[in-house]
Every structure is written in structure tokens, then in C-alpha cells.
PDB file of N, CA and C in Angstrom:
ATOM      1  N   MET A   1     -84.499 287.455 180.574  1.00  0.00           N
ATOM      2  CA  MET A   1     -83.165 287.080 180.397  1.00  0.00           C
ATOM      3  C   MET A   1     -83.955 287.768 178.301  1.00  0.00           C
ATOM      4  N   ASN A   2     -83.022 287.567 177.398  1.00  0.00           N
ATOM      5  CA  ASN A   2     -83.502 287.767 176.224  1.00  0.00           C
ATOM      6  C   ASN A   2     -83.442 285.872 175.496  1.00  0.00           C
ATOM      7  N   GLU A   3     -84.974 285.912 175.229  1.00  0.00           N
ATOM      8  CA  GLU A   3     -84.946 285.020 174.307  1.00  0.00           C
ATOM      9  C   GLU A   3     -85.405 284.852 173.081  1.00  0.00           C
ATOM     10  N   ASN A   4     -85.116 285.493 172.107  1.00  0.00           N
ATOM     11  CA  ASN A   4     -85.491 285.722 171.217  1.00  0.00           C
ATOM     12  C   ASN A   4     -83.671 286.742 170.515  1.00  0.00           C
ATOM     13  N   ARG A   5     -83.763 285.682 169.903  1.00  0.00           N
ATOM     14  CA  ARG A   5     -82.304 286.203 169.803  1.00  0.00           C
ATOM     15  C   ARG A   5     -82.450 285.337 167.645  1.00  0.00           C
ATOM     16  N   ALA A   6     -81.371 286.461 167.191  1.00  0.00           N
ATOM     17  CA  ALA A   6     -81.459 285.592 165.645  1.00  0.00           C
ATOM     18  C   ALA A   6     -80.289 285.739 165.153  1.00  0.00           C
ATOM     19  N   LEU A   7     -80.302 283.897 164.708  1.00  0.00           N
ATOM     20  CA  LEU A   7     -79.030 283.977 164.600  1.00  0.00           C
ATOM     21  C   LEU A   7     -77.999 284.236 163.315  1.00  0.00           C
ATOM     22  N   TRP A   8     -78.984 285.079 161.997  1.00  0.00           N
ATOM     23  CA  TRP A   8     -78.748 285.189 161.110  1.00  0.00           C
ATOM     24  C   TRP A   8     -78.458 286.571 160.852  1.00  0.00           C
ATOM     25  N   GLY A   9     -79.132 287.503 162.299  1.00  0.00           N
ATOM     26  CA  GLY A   9     -80.180 288.481 161.703  1.00  0.00           C
ATOM     27  C   GLY A   9     -79.040 290.018 161.919  1.00  0.00           C
ATOM     28  N   LEU A  10     -78.996 290.286 161.827  1.00  0.00           N
ATOM     29  CA  LEU A  10     -77.788 292.361 161.468  1.00  0.00           C
ATOM     30  C   LEU A  10     -78.815 292.658 161.538  1.00  0.00           C
ATOM     31  N   HIS A  11     -77.926 294.366 162.947  1.00  0.00           N
ATOM     32  CA  HIS A  11     -78.291 295.083 163.771  1.00  0.00           C
ATOM     33  C   HIS A  11     -77.843 296.543 163.477  1.00  0.00           C
ATOM     34  N   GLY A  12     -77.752 297.993 162.938  1.00  0.00           N
ATOM     35  CA  GLY A  12     -76.888 298.549 163.250  1.00  0.00           C
ATOM     36  C   GLY A  12     -76.377 299.129 162.004  1.00  0.00           C
ATOM     37  N   LEU A  13     -75.346 299.768 162.830  1.00  0.00           N
ATOM     38  CA  LEU A  13     -74.734 300.321 161.587  1.00  0.00           C
ATOM     39  C   LEU A  13     -73.596 298.668 160.692  1.00  0.00           C
ATOM     40  N   GLY A  14     -73.720 297.676 161.175  1.00  0.00           N
ATOM     41  CA  GLY A  14     -72.878 296.242 160.647  1.00  0.00           C
ATOM     42  C   GLY A  14     -73.272 296.021 159.307  1.00  0.00           C
ATOM     43  N   GLY A  15     -75.546 295.881 159.887  1.00  0.00           N
ATOM     44  CA  GLY A  15     -75.997 295.703 158.531  1.00  0.00           C
ATOM     45  C   GLY A  15     -76.476 297.077 157.600  1.00  0.00           C
ATOM     46  N   TYR A  16     -76.412 297.637 157.903  1.00  0.00           N
ATOM     47  CA  TYR A  16     -76.161 299.868 157.060  1.00  0.00           C
ATOM     48  C   TYR A  16     -75.293 298.905 155.948  1.00  0.00           C
ATOM     49  N   PHE A  17     -74.131 298.843 156.203  1.00  0.00           N
ATOM     50  CA  PHE A  17     -72.858 298.921 156.106  1.00  0.00           C
ATOM     51  C   PHE A  17     -72.541 297.603 155.361  1.00  0.00           C
ATOM     52  N   ILE A  18     -72.669 296.365 155.548  1.00  0.00           N
ATOM     53  CA  ILE A  18     -73.074 294.911 154.404  1.00  0.00           C
ATOM     54  C   ILE A  18     -74.044 295.548 153.309  1.00  0.00           C
ATOM     55  N   ALA A  19     -74.853 296.474 153.654  1.00  0.00           N
ATOM     56  CA  ALA A  19     -76.274 295.948 152.247  1.00  0.00           C
ATOM     57  C   ALA A  19     -76.302 297.612 150.915  1.00  0.00           C
ATOM     58  N   VAL A  20     -75.274 298.558 152.684  1.00  0.00           N
ATOM     59  CA  VAL A  20     -74.721 299.403 150.678  1.00  0.00           C
ATOM     60  C   VAL A  20     -73.819 298.918 150.188  1.00  0.00           C
ATOM     61  N   ALA A  21     -73.070 298.146 150.501  1.00  0.00           N
ATOM     62  CA  ALA A  21     -71.658 297.969 150.288  1.00  0.00           C
ATOM     63  C   ALA A  21     -72.336 296.301 149.012  1.00  0.00           C
ATOM     64  N   LEU A  22     -73.274 295.711 149.139  1.00  0.00           N
ATOM     65  CA  LEU A  22     -73.947 294.876 148.120  1.00  0.00           C
ATOM     66  C   LEU A  22     -74.739 295.385 147.331  1.00  0.00           C
ATOM     67  N   LEU A  23     -75.270 296.396 147.395  1.00  0.00           N
ATOM     68  CA  LEU A  23     -76.322 297.072 146.279  1.00  0.00           C
ATOM     69  C   LEU A  23     -74.375 298.536 146.098  1.00  0.00           C
ATOM     70  N   LEU A  24     -74.525 298.776 146.621  1.00  0.00           N
ATOM     71  CA  LEU A  24     -73.029 299.523 145.571  1.00  0.00           C
ATOM     72  C   LEU A  24     -72.331 298.464 144.351  1.00  0.00           C
ATOM     73  N   GLY A  25     -72.656 296.928 145.026  1.00  0.00           N
ATOM     74  CA  GLY A  25     -71.646 295.513 144.321  1.00  0.00           C
ATOM     75  C   GLY A  25     -72.356 295.815 143.416  1.00  0.00           C
ATOM     76  N   ILE A  26     -73.708 295.722 143.442  1.00  0.00           N
ATOM     77  CA  ILE A  26     -74.769 295.228 141.970  1.00  0.00           C
ATOM     78  C   ILE A  26     -74.642 296.679 140.790  1.00  0.00           C
ATOM     79  N   LEU A  27     -75.118 297.768 141.775  1.00  0.00           N
ATOM     80  CA  LEU A  27     -74.912 299.246 140.976  1.00  0.00           C
ATOM     81  C   LEU A  27     -73.274 298.712 139.336  1.00  0.00           C
ATOM     82  N   ALA A  28     -72.598 298.442 140.492  1.00  0.00           N
ATOM     83  CA  ALA A  28     -70.820 298.926 139.724  1.00  0.00           C
ATOM     84  C   ALA A  28     -70.802 297.574 138.225  1.00  0.00           C
ATOM     85  N   TYR A  29     -71.561 295.862 138.929  1.00  0.00           N
ATOM     86  CA  TYR A  29     -71.786 295.174 138.152  1.00  0.00           C
ATOM     87  C   TYR A  29     -72.242 295.771 137.076  1.00  0.00           C
ATOM     88  N   LEU A  30     -73.648 296.402 136.952  1.00  0.00           N
ATOM     89  CA  LEU A  30     -74.512 296.431 135.933  1.00  0.00           C
ATOM     90  C   LEU A  30     -74.125 297.999 135.244  1.00  0.00           C
ATOM     91  N   THR A  31     -73.674 299.056 135.873  1.00  0.00           N
ATOM     92  CA  THR A  31     -73.023 299.768 135.153  1.00  0.00           C
ATOM     93  C   THR A  31     -72.010 299.509 134.650  1.00  0.00           C
ATOM     94  N   TYR A  32     -70.686 298.060 134.516  1.00  0.00           N
ATOM     95  CA  TYR A  32     -69.659 297.577 133.577  1.00  0.00           C
ATOM     96  C   TYR A  32     -70.311 296.543 133.162  1.00  0.00           C
ATOM     97  N   ALA A  33     -71.794 296.126 132.962  1.00  0.00           N
ATOM     98  CA  ALA A  33     -72.739 295.387 131.909  1.00  0.00           C
ATOM     99  C   ALA A  33     -72.462 296.329 130.174  1.00  0.00           C
ATOM    100  N   ALA A  34     -73.349 297.577 131.262  1.00  0.00           N
ATOM    101  CA  ALA A  34     -73.849 298.166 130.504  1.00  0.00           C
ATOM    102  C   ALA A  34     -72.690 299.140 129.550  1.00  0.00           C
ATOM    103  N   ILE A  35     -72.004 299.552 129.972  1.00  0.00           N
ATOM    104  CA  ILE A  35     -70.990 299.727 129.705  1.00  0.00           C
ATOM    105  C   ILE A  35     -69.387 299.056 128.067  1.00  0.00           C
ATOM    106  N   ILE A  36     -70.147 297.360 128.328  1.00  0.00           N
ATOM    107  CA  ILE A  36     -69.976 296.747 127.939  1.00  0.00           C
ATOM    108  C   ILE A  36     -70.435 296.193 125.871  1.00  0.00           C
ATOM    109  N   THR A  37     -71.916 296.288 126.235  1.00  0.00           N
ATOM    110  CA  THR A  37     -73.363 296.496 125.432  1.00  0.00           C
ATOM    111  C   THR A  37     -72.399 297.442 124.319  1.00  0.00           C
ATOM    112  N   GLN A  38     -73.126 298.854 125.286  1.00  0.00           N
ATOM    113  CA  GLN A  38     -72.711 299.903 124.852  1.00  0.00           C
ATOM    114  C   GLN A  38     -71.305 299.904 123.512  1.00  0.00           C
ATOM    115  N   THR A  39     -70.163 299.451 124.145  1.00  0.00           N
ATOM    116  CA  THR A  39     -69.519 299.174 123.087  1.00  0.00           C
ATOM    117  C   THR A  39     -69.079 298.530 122.694  1.00  0.00           C
ATOM    118  N   ALA A  40     -69.595 297.262 122.539  1.00  0.00           N
ATOM    119  CA  ALA A  40     -69.992 295.872 121.465  1.00  0.00           C
ATOM    120  C   ALA A  40     -70.964 296.603 120.409  1.00  0.00           C
ATOM    121  N   THR A  41     -71.960 297.235 120.778  1.00  0.00           N
ATOM    122  CA  THR A  41     -72.836 297.872 119.989  1.00  0.00           C
ATOM    123  C   THR A  41     -72.437 298.998 119.675  1.00  0.00           C
ATOM    124  N   ALA A  42     -71.395 300.057 119.581  1.00  0.00           N
ATOM    125  CA  ALA A  42     -71.415 301.223 119.046  1.00  0.00           C
ATOM    126  C   ALA A  42     -70.703 300.812 117.258  1.00  0.00           C
ATOM    127  N   GLN A  43     -69.396 299.462 117.290  1.00  0.00           N
ATOM    128  CA  GLN A  43     -69.024 299.045 116.574  1.00  0.00           C
ATOM    129  C   GLN A  43     -69.498 298.572 115.575  1.00  0.00           C
ATOM    130  N   GLN A  44     -71.430 298.554 115.220  1.00  0.00           N
ATOM    131  CA  GLN A  44     -72.184 297.961 114.683  1.00  0.00           C
ATOM    132  C   GLN A  44     -72.258 298.629 113.324  1.00  0.00           C
ATOM    133  N   ASN A  45     -72.824 298.432 112.090  1.00  0.00           N
ATOM    134  CA  ASN A  45     -73.631 298.931 111.404  1.00  0.00           C
ATOM    135  C   ASN A  45     -73.866 298.950 110.680  1.00  0.00           C
ATOM    136  N   TYR A  46     -75.541 299.220 110.483  1.00  0.00           N
ATOM    137  CA  TYR A  46     -76.776 298.551 109.918  1.00  0.00           C
ATOM    138  C   TYR A  46     -77.297 298.641 108.690  1.00  0.00           C
ATOM    139  N   GLU A  47     -77.740 298.223 107.986  1.00  0.00           N
ATOM    140  CA  GLU A  47     -78.109 297.908 106.522  1.00  0.00           C
ATOM    141  C   GLU A  47     -79.258 297.799 106.213  1.00  0.00           C
ATOM    142  N   LEU A  48     -80.125 298.599 105.615  1.00  0.00           N
ATOM    143  CA  LEU A  48     -81.318 297.835 104.895  1.00  0.00           C
ATOM    144  C   LEU A  48     -80.897 296.812 103.255  1.00  0.00           C
ATOM    145  N   LYS A  49     -81.892 296.140 103.869  1.00  0.00           N
ATOM    146  CA  LYS A  49     -81.202 295.338 102.290  1.00  0.00           C
ATOM    147  C   LYS A  49     -83.132 295.386 101.303  1.00  0.00           C
ATOM    148  N   ASP A  50     -83.453 295.132 100.094  1.00  0.00           N
ATOM    149  CA  ASP A  50     -84.581 295.609  99.724  1.00  0.00           C
ATOM    150  C   ASP A  50     -85.473 295.935 100.566  1.00  0.00           C
ATOM    151  N   PRO A  51     -84.575 297.851 100.937  1.00  0.00           N
ATOM    152  CA  PRO A  51     -85.761 298.413 101.968  1.00  0.00           C
ATOM    153  C   PRO A  51     -87.167 298.841 100.582  1.00  0.00           C
ATOM    154  N   PHE A  52     -87.898 298.322  99.753  1.00  0.00           N
ATOM    155  CA  PHE A  52     -89.185 298.884  98.580  1.00  0.00           C
ATOM    156  C   PHE A  52     -90.168 297.397  99.631  1.00  0.00           C
ATOM    157  N   GLY A  53     -88.966 296.553  99.639  1.00  0.00           N
ATOM    158  CA  GLY A  53     -89.580 294.824 100.274  1.00  0.00           C
ATOM    159  C   GLY A  53     -90.584 295.106 101.649  1.00  0.00           C
ATOM    160  N   ILE A  54     -90.388 295.941 102.435  1.00  0.00           N
ATOM    161  CA  ILE A  54     -90.172 296.246 104.114  1.00  0.00           C
ATOM    162  C   ILE A  54     -92.183 296.565 103.398  1.00  0.00           C
ATOM    163  N   LYS A  55     -93.143 295.597 104.518  1.00  0.00           N
ATOM    164  CA  LYS A  55     -94.477 296.241 104.565  1.00  0.00           C
ATOM    165  C   LYS A  55     -94.802 297.037 105.357  1.00  0.00           C
ATOM    166  N   MET A  56     -95.802 297.214 105.682  1.00  0.00           N
ATOM    167  CA  MET A  56     -95.789 298.717 106.642  1.00  0.00           C
ATOM    168  C   MET A  56     -96.954 297.526 108.226  1.00  0.00           C
ATOM    169  N   ILE A  57     -97.585 296.514 107.727  1.00  0.00           N
ATOM    170  CA  ILE A  57     -98.182 295.427 108.749  1.00  0.00           C
ATOM    171  C   ILE A  57     -97.820 294.654 108.358  1.00  0.00           C
ATOM    172  N   ALA A  58     -96.944 293.715 108.927  1.00  0.00           N
ATOM    173  CA  ALA A  58     -95.902 292.223 108.833  1.00  0.00           C
ATOM    174  C   ALA A  58     -96.554 291.473 110.078  1.00  0.00           C
ATOM    175  N   PRO A  59     -96.314 290.535 109.829  1.00  0.00           N
ATOM    176  CA  PRO A  59     -96.859 289.568 111.107  1.00  0.00           C
ATOM    177  C   PRO A  59     -94.959 289.869 112.354  1.00  0.00           C
ATOM    178  N   ASP A  60     -95.132 289.349 112.966  1.00  0.00           N
ATOM    179  CA  ASP A  60     -94.049 289.568 114.302  1.00  0.00           C
ATOM    180  C   ASP A  60     -92.684 288.791 113.626  1.00  0.00           C
ATOM    181  N   LEU A  61     -91.993 290.200 114.261  1.00  0.00           N
ATOM    182  CA  LEU A  61     -90.679 289.249 113.199  1.00  0.00           C
ATOM    183  C   LEU A  61     -90.517 289.883 111.653  1.00  0.00           C
ATOM    184  N   GLY A  62     -91.291 290.034 111.090  1.00  0.00           N
ATOM    185  CA  GLY A  62     -91.723 289.561 109.694  1.00  0.00           C
ATOM    186  C   GLY A  62     -91.039 290.431 109.185  1.00  0.00           C
ATOM    187  N   ASN A  63     -90.065 291.459 109.363  1.00  0.00           N
ATOM    188  CA  ASN A  63     -89.237 292.624 108.785  1.00  0.00           C
ATOM    189  C   ASN A  63     -87.761 292.754 109.066  1.00  0.00           C
ATOM    190  N   GLU A  64     -87.683 291.308 109.531  1.00  0.00           N
ATOM    191  CA  GLU A  64     -86.544 291.553 110.293  1.00  0.00           C
ATOM    192  C   GLU A  64     -85.576 290.617 109.744  1.00  0.00           C
ATOM    193  N   PRO A  65     -85.819 290.099 108.377  1.00  0.00           N
ATOM    194  CA  PRO A  65     -84.164 289.835 106.841  1.00  0.00           C
ATOM    195  C   PRO A  65     -84.251 290.784 105.938  1.00  0.00           C
ATOM    196  N   HIS A  66     -84.549 292.011 105.979  1.00  0.00           N
ATOM    197  CA  HIS A  66     -84.298 293.443 105.573  1.00  0.00           C
ATOM    198  C   HIS A  66     -83.414 293.826 106.087  1.00  0.00           C
ATOM    199  N   ILE A  67     -83.242 293.129 107.277  1.00  0.00           N
ATOM    200  CA  ILE A  67     -81.208 294.551 108.252  1.00  0.00           C
ATOM    201  C   ILE A  67     -80.359 292.857 108.327  1.00  0.00           C
ATOM    202  N   VAL A  68     -79.121 293.755 107.690  1.00  0.00           N
ATOM    203  CA  VAL A  68     -78.161 293.698 108.075  1.00  0.00           C
ATOM    204  C   VAL A  68     -77.281 294.424 108.732  1.00  0.00           C
ATOM    205  N   ILE A  69     -76.733 293.665 109.070  1.00  0.00           N
ATOM    206  CA  ILE A  69     -75.289 294.186 110.836  1.00  0.00           C
ATOM    207  C   ILE A  69     -74.470 294.184 110.512  1.00  0.00           C
ATOM    208  N   HIS A  70     -73.590 294.601 110.262  1.00  0.00           N
ATOM    209  CA  HIS A  70     -71.974 294.372 109.744  1.00  0.00           C
ATOM    210  C   HIS A  70     -71.224 294.628 111.492  1.00  0.00           C
ATOM    211  N   GLY A  71     -71.028 293.120 111.630  1.00  0.00           N
ATOM    212  CA  GLY A  71     -70.578 293.352 113.330  1.00  0.00           C
ATOM    213  C   GLY A  71     -70.665 291.724 114.064  1.00  0.00           C
ATOM    214  N   LYS A  72     -70.140 291.708 114.751  1.00  0.00           N
ATOM    215  CA  LYS A  72     -70.945 290.828 115.807  1.00  0.00           C
ATOM    216  C   LYS A  72     -71.755 290.676 117.001  1.00  0.00           C
ATOM    217  N   PRO A  73     -72.522 289.786 117.035  1.00  0.00           N
ATOM    218  CA  PRO A  73     -73.799 289.887 117.805  1.00  0.00           C
ATOM    219  C   PRO A  73     -73.556 290.004 119.044  1.00  0.00           C
ATOM    220  N   VAL A  74     -74.626 290.886 119.712  1.00  0.00           N
ATOM    221  CA  VAL A  74     -74.177 291.233 121.061  1.00  0.00           C
ATOM    222  C   VAL A  74     -75.380 290.278 122.397  1.00  0.00           C
ATOM    223  N   GLY A  75     -74.785 290.086 123.527  1.00  0.00           N
ATOM    224  CA  GLY A  75     -75.686 289.237 123.482  1.00  0.00           C
ATOM    225  C   GLY A  75     -76.170 288.386 123.754  1.00  0.00           C
ATOM    226  N   GLY A  76     -76.500 287.308 123.214  1.00  0.00           N
ATOM    227  CA  GLY A  76     -76.759 286.358 122.603  1.00  0.00           C
ATOM    228  C   GLY A  76     -78.057 285.992 121.404  1.00  0.00           C
ATOM    229  N   ASP A  77     -79.263 287.358 121.382  1.00  0.00           N
ATOM    230  CA  ASP A  77     -79.735 286.797 121.044  1.00  0.00           C
ATOM    231  C   ASP A  77     -80.257 286.439 120.264  1.00  0.00           C
ATOM    232  N   THR A  78     -81.366 284.827 120.279  1.00  0.00           N
ATOM    233  CA  THR A  78     -81.093 284.276 119.229  1.00  0.00           C
ATOM    234  C   THR A  78     -83.085 284.035 119.056  1.00  0.00           C
ATOM    235  N   LEU A  79     -84.088 285.586 120.040  1.00  0.00           N
ATOM    236  CA  LEU A  79     -84.948 284.989 118.889  1.00  0.00           C
ATOM    237  C   LEU A  79     -85.256 285.782 117.703  1.00  0.00           C
ATOM    238  N   HIS A  80     -84.063 286.834 117.582  1.00  0.00           N
ATOM    239  CA  HIS A  80     -84.440 287.836 116.328  1.00  0.00           C
ATOM    240  C   HIS A  80     -83.595 287.419 114.763  1.00  0.00           C
ATOM    241  N   LYS A  81     -84.126 287.962 113.687  1.00  0.00           N
ATOM    242  CA  LYS A  81     -83.724 286.751 112.255  1.00  0.00           C
ATOM    243  C   LYS A  81     -82.634 287.787 111.891  1.00  0.00           C
ATOM    244  N   TRP A  82     -81.917 288.522 112.227  1.00  0.00           N
ATOM    245  CA  TRP A  82     -80.903 289.971 111.760  1.00  0.00           C
ATOM    246  C   TRP A  82     -79.784 288.514 111.527  1.00  0.00           C
ATOM    247  N   GLN A  83     -79.150 289.175 110.132  1.00  0.00           N
ATOM    248  CA  GLN A  83     -78.471 288.855 109.527  1.00  0.00           C
ATOM    249  C   GLN A  83     -76.750 289.567 110.155  1.00  0.00           C
ATOM    250  N   PHE A  84     -75.732 288.915 110.430  1.00  0.00           N
ATOM    251  CA  PHE A  84     -74.707 289.140 110.906  1.00  0.00           C
ATOM    252  C   PHE A  84     -73.288 289.618 109.824  1.00  0.00           C
ATOM    253  N   VAL A  85     -73.208 290.082 109.650  1.00  0.00           N
ATOM    254  CA  VAL A  85     -71.896 289.967 108.609  1.00  0.00           C
ATOM    255  C   VAL A  85     -70.296 290.962 108.450  1.00  0.00           C
ATOM    256  N   GLU A  86     -69.395 289.723 108.918  1.00  0.00           N
ATOM    257  CA  GLU A  86     -68.169 290.053 109.331  1.00  0.00           C
ATOM    258  C   GLU A  86     -67.751 291.546 108.739  1.00  0.00           C
ATOM    259  N   LYS A  87     -67.029 292.274 109.506  1.00  0.00           N
ATOM    260  CA  LYS A  87     -66.686 293.158 108.624  1.00  0.00           C
ATOM    261  C   LYS A  87     -65.685 293.052 107.988  1.00  0.00           C
TER     262      LYS A  87
END
């Protein structure tokens, strides 16, 4: 008698189809998120404020106050100090 049974084990074609469906679902979600981000970023215009005040060697994120972005922020980035201006 076979005493080695797995309660949640999936073998054969059933497990294969579940794994493929899961991977295709993840691929569809990541593709959708990339298209939404690309579309939102393509709507933005960038402008340099005081370009002669930009230093070649600056501390981390030191030159970011010189960048003005016309549009809405994408993705909830809170690390950067970019200035967003509505169109």
C-alpha cells in the first residue's frame, strides 16, 4: 500500500497547467503595470531650472531641485526631490 501521499501535491498535466496559468497571470499583470507607467510617464515634460547652478560633483540627489516635471507623479516615488507642476 502506498503510504507516501502528499495532501497538496500536484503532479502531471494538472500541476503543469496550474503553473503555466499562474506564470501567465503574473506576466499579464506586469505587462499591464508597465503599459500604465509608460503611458503616464510619456505625458510628462521635463524642464531644467537654473542649468548653470548644477554641480558636476554633488551629494546624492543634490541636483534634483533643478528638475521641474510638468505632470503628475508616477508610482508614488517619495525619495526624489523633483518638483511636479500641473499642466
